Amino acid sequence: MVTTILRLPTVLHERGRSRSAHYLDIQRGLFTQPVPIGARAVGWPASELSMLNAARIAGKSDEEIRALVKQLEEARRSLV
């Protein structure tokens, strides 16, 4: 299974959000935490970005988005 990890500029572009708004969404539980990919580098799985964007497009509420974020982060933990 190949998983693409996207860096911040790509994530911001795909989401249409500013850097500060993106990190505020993470604090509020509306977006997944970053994945460490190096000593000073992080990224986000492309599949998570797609699922969260699709949920927004579908008009899901913030509570539904938070539940999805929890599911996605739990799925990460089960990969190991």
N, C-alpha and C. Protein backbone atom coordinates (compact mmCIF):
# COMPACT_ATOMS: atom_id res chain seq x y z
N MET A 1 0.85 -1.18 0.00
CA MET A 1 0.00 0.00 0.00
C MET A 1 0.89 1.24 0.00
N VAL A 2 0.65 2.12 -0.93
CA VAL A 2 1.43 3.35 -1.04
C VAL A 2 0.59 4.50 -0.50
N THR A 3 1.17 5.24 0.42
CA THR A 3 0.49 6.40 0.98
C THR A 3 1.34 7.63 0.69
N THR A 4 0.73 8.61 0.07
CA THR A 4 1.42 9.85 -0.24
C THR A 4 1.30 10.79 0.94
N ILE A 5 2.41 11.37 1.34
CA ILE A 5 2.43 12.36 2.41
C ILE A 5 2.60 13.73 1.75
N LEU A 6 1.68 14.63 2.06
CA LEU A 6 1.71 15.98 1.49
C LEU A 6 2.29 16.96 2.49
N ARG A 7 3.13 17.85 2.01
CA ARG A 7 3.71 18.89 2.86
C ARG A 7 2.72 20.05 2.99
N LEU A 8 3.00 20.93 3.94
CA LEU A 8 2.10 22.01 4.30
C LEU A 8 1.65 22.89 3.12
N PRO A 9 2.54 23.37 2.26
CA PRO A 9 2.06 24.24 1.17
C PRO A 9 0.99 23.58 0.29
N THR A 10 1.15 22.30 0.03
CA THR A 10 0.17 21.57 -0.78
C THR A 10 -1.15 21.43 -0.03
N VAL A 11 -1.06 21.11 1.26
CA VAL A 11 -2.27 20.96 2.08
C VAL A 11 -3.03 22.29 2.13
N LEU A 12 -2.31 23.37 2.37
CA LEU A 12 -2.96 24.68 2.43
C LEU A 12 -3.64 25.03 1.10
N HIS A 13 -2.96 24.73 0.01
CA HIS A 13 -3.53 25.01 -1.31
C HIS A 13 -4.80 24.19 -1.54
N GLU A 14 -4.74 22.91 -1.23
CA GLU A 14 -5.89 22.02 -1.44
C GLU A 14 -7.07 22.38 -0.55
N ARG A 15 -6.78 22.88 0.64
CA ARG A 15 -7.84 23.25 1.59
C ARG A 15 -8.35 24.66 1.37
N GLY A 16 -7.55 25.50 0.75
CA GLY A 16 -7.94 26.89 0.59
C GLY A 16 -7.91 27.65 1.90
N ARG A 17 -7.00 27.27 2.79
CA ARG A 17 -6.90 27.87 4.11
C ARG A 17 -5.53 28.50 4.28
N SER A 18 -5.45 29.47 5.19
CA SER A 18 -4.16 30.06 5.54
C SER A 18 -3.46 29.14 6.54
N ARG A 19 -2.18 29.38 6.73
CA ARG A 19 -1.40 28.58 7.68
C ARG A 19 -2.00 28.68 9.08
N SER A 20 -2.31 29.90 9.53
CA SER A 20 -2.83 30.07 10.88
C SER A 20 -4.20 29.42 11.03
N ALA A 21 -5.05 29.53 10.02
CA ALA A 21 -6.38 28.90 10.07
C ALA A 21 -6.25 27.38 10.08
N HIS A 22 -5.30 26.85 9.33
CA HIS A 22 -5.06 25.41 9.30
C HIS A 22 -4.68 24.89 10.68
N TYR A 23 -3.72 25.55 11.32
CA TYR A 23 -3.28 25.09 12.64
C TYR A 23 -4.36 25.33 13.70
N LEU A 24 -5.18 26.33 13.53
CA LEU A 24 -6.31 26.54 14.43
C LEU A 24 -7.32 25.40 14.27
N ASP A 25 -7.55 24.96 13.04
CA ASP A 25 -8.42 23.81 12.80
C ASP A 25 -7.89 22.57 13.51
N ILE A 26 -6.58 22.37 13.49
CA ILE A 26 -5.98 21.22 14.17
C ILE A 26 -6.25 21.33 15.68
N GLN A 27 -6.03 22.51 16.25
CA GLN A 27 -6.29 22.70 17.68
C GLN A 27 -7.74 22.43 18.04
N ARG A 28 -8.65 22.79 17.16
CA ARG A 28 -10.08 22.62 17.41
C ARG A 28 -10.59 21.22 17.07
N GLY A 29 -9.69 20.35 16.60
CA GLY A 29 -10.09 18.99 16.26
C GLY A 29 -10.77 18.86 14.92
N LEU A 30 -10.60 19.88 14.06
CA LEU A 30 -11.25 19.86 12.75
C LEU A 30 -10.31 19.42 11.63
N PHE A 31 -9.10 19.05 11.97
CA PHE A 31 -8.16 18.50 11.00
C PHE A 31 -7.18 17.62 11.76
N THR A 32 -6.64 16.63 11.08
CA THR A 32 -5.74 15.68 11.73
C THR A 32 -4.39 16.31 12.09
N GLN A 33 -3.76 15.72 13.07
CA GLN A 33 -2.42 16.13 13.47
C GLN A 33 -1.43 15.77 12.36
N PRO A 34 -0.34 16.52 12.25
CA PRO A 34 0.66 16.18 11.23
C PRO A 34 1.42 14.90 11.58
N VAL A 35 1.99 14.30 10.55
CA VAL A 35 2.80 13.10 10.68
C VAL A 35 4.26 13.52 10.57
N PRO A 36 5.11 13.17 11.54
CA PRO A 36 6.53 13.51 11.40
C PRO A 36 7.15 12.70 10.25
N ILE A 37 7.87 13.38 9.37
CA ILE A 37 8.52 12.68 8.25
C ILE A 37 10.02 12.93 8.23
N GLY A 38 10.51 13.62 9.22
CA GLY A 38 11.94 13.90 9.34
C GLY A 38 12.19 14.64 10.65
N ALA A 39 13.42 15.02 10.87
CA ALA A 39 13.79 15.69 12.12
C ALA A 39 13.03 17.01 12.29
N ARG A 40 12.82 17.71 11.19
CA ARG A 40 12.12 19.00 11.27
C ARG A 40 11.07 19.15 10.18
N ALA A 41 10.49 18.03 9.79
CA ALA A 41 9.51 18.06 8.70
C ALA A 41 8.27 17.25 9.07
N VAL A 42 7.12 17.77 8.69
CA VAL A 42 5.86 17.07 8.90
C VAL A 42 5.05 17.10 7.61
N GLY A 43 4.05 16.26 7.57
CA GLY A 43 3.14 16.23 6.43
C GLY A 43 1.84 15.57 6.84
N TRP A 44 0.93 15.44 5.89
CA TRP A 44 -0.37 14.84 6.13
C TRP A 44 -0.64 13.82 5.04
N PRO A 45 -1.20 12.66 5.40
CA PRO A 45 -1.56 11.68 4.37
C PRO A 45 -2.58 12.27 3.40
N ALA A 46 -2.33 12.07 2.13
CA ALA A 46 -3.21 12.61 1.09
C ALA A 46 -4.63 12.07 1.24
N SER A 47 -4.75 10.83 1.65
CA SER A 47 -6.09 10.23 1.80
C SER A 47 -6.91 10.94 2.88
N GLU A 48 -6.25 11.37 3.95
CA GLU A 48 -6.96 12.10 5.01
C GLU A 48 -7.42 13.46 4.51
N LEU A 49 -6.57 14.14 3.78
CA LEU A 49 -6.94 15.43 3.20
C LEU A 49 -8.16 15.27 2.30
N SER A 50 -8.16 14.25 1.47
CA SER A 50 -9.28 14.01 0.55
C SER A 50 -10.57 13.74 1.30
N MET A 51 -10.48 12.92 2.34
CA MET A 51 -11.68 12.58 3.10
C MET A 51 -12.24 13.80 3.84
N LEU A 52 -11.36 14.60 4.42
CA LEU A 52 -11.82 15.78 5.14
C LEU A 52 -12.39 16.83 4.19
N ASN A 53 -11.78 17.00 3.04
CA ASN A 53 -12.33 17.93 2.04
C ASN A 53 -13.70 17.45 1.56
N ALA A 54 -13.83 16.14 1.33
CA ALA A 54 -15.11 15.59 0.88
C ALA A 54 -16.20 15.79 1.95
N ALA A 55 -15.83 15.65 3.20
CA ALA A 55 -16.80 15.86 4.29
C ALA A 55 -17.26 17.31 4.32
N ARG A 56 -16.33 18.24 4.12
CA ARG A 56 -16.71 19.66 4.08
C ARG A 56 -17.63 19.94 2.89
N ILE A 57 -17.28 19.40 1.74
CA ILE A 57 -18.09 19.60 0.54
C ILE A 57 -19.49 19.04 0.74
N ALA A 58 -19.58 17.92 1.45
CA ALA A 58 -20.87 17.29 1.72
C ALA A 58 -21.69 18.05 2.76
N GLY A 59 -21.11 19.08 3.35
CA GLY A 59 -21.84 19.90 4.31
C GLY A 59 -21.90 19.33 5.71
N LYS A 60 -20.95 18.47 6.05
CA LYS A 60 -20.93 17.90 7.40
C LYS A 60 -20.70 19.00 8.44
N SER A 61 -21.28 18.81 9.61
CA SER A 61 -21.13 19.78 10.69
C SER A 61 -19.75 19.64 11.33
N ASP A 62 -19.38 20.64 12.13
CA ASP A 62 -18.09 20.57 12.83
C ASP A 62 -18.01 19.34 13.71
N GLU A 63 -19.11 18.96 14.35
CA GLU A 63 -19.10 17.77 15.22
C GLU A 63 -18.87 16.51 14.39
N GLU A 64 -19.47 16.44 13.22
CA GLU A 64 -19.25 15.28 12.34
C GLU A 64 -17.81 15.25 11.84
N ILE A 65 -17.25 16.42 11.56
CA ILE A 65 -15.85 16.50 11.13
C ILE A 65 -14.93 16.03 12.26
N ARG A 66 -15.21 16.48 13.49
CA ARG A 66 -14.40 16.05 14.64
C ARG A 66 -14.43 14.53 14.80
N ALA A 67 -15.60 13.94 14.62
CA ALA A 67 -15.71 12.49 14.71
C ALA A 67 -14.88 11.82 13.62
N LEU A 68 -14.90 12.37 12.42
CA LEU A 68 -14.09 11.82 11.32
C LEU A 68 -12.61 11.94 11.63
N VAL A 69 -12.19 13.09 12.17
CA VAL A 69 -10.78 13.28 12.53
C VAL A 69 -10.36 12.22 13.55
N LYS A 70 -11.20 11.96 14.54
CA LYS A 70 -10.88 10.93 15.54
C LYS A 70 -10.74 9.56 14.89
N GLN A 71 -11.63 9.25 13.95
CA GLN A 71 -11.55 7.97 13.24
C GLN A 71 -10.26 7.86 12.45
N LEU A 72 -9.90 8.92 11.75
CA LEU A 72 -8.69 8.90 10.93
C LEU A 72 -7.44 8.74 11.79
N GLU A 73 -7.40 9.46 12.91
CA GLU A 73 -6.22 9.35 13.78
C GLU A 73 -6.16 7.98 14.46
N GLU A 74 -7.31 7.40 14.79
CA GLU A 74 -7.34 6.06 15.36
C GLU A 74 -6.86 5.03 14.32
N ALA A 75 -7.26 5.23 13.07
CA ALA A 75 -6.82 4.33 12.01
C ALA A 75 -5.30 4.38 11.84
N ARG A 76 -4.71 5.55 12.03
CA ARG A 76 -3.24 5.65 11.97
C ARG A 76 -2.60 4.77 13.02
N ARG A 77 -3.14 4.83 14.24
CA ARG A 77 -2.56 4.05 15.34
C ARG A 77 -2.68 2.55 15.10
N SER A 78 -3.72 2.13 14.41
CA SER A 78 -3.92 0.70 14.17
C SER A 78 -3.02 0.16 13.06
N LEU A 79 -2.35 1.06 12.31
CA LEU A 79 -1.46 0.62 11.24
C LEU A 79 -0.19 -0.02 11.76
N VAL A 80 0.21 0.38 12.94
CA VAL A 80 1.48 -0.11 13.49
C VAL A 80 1.33 -1.46 14.11
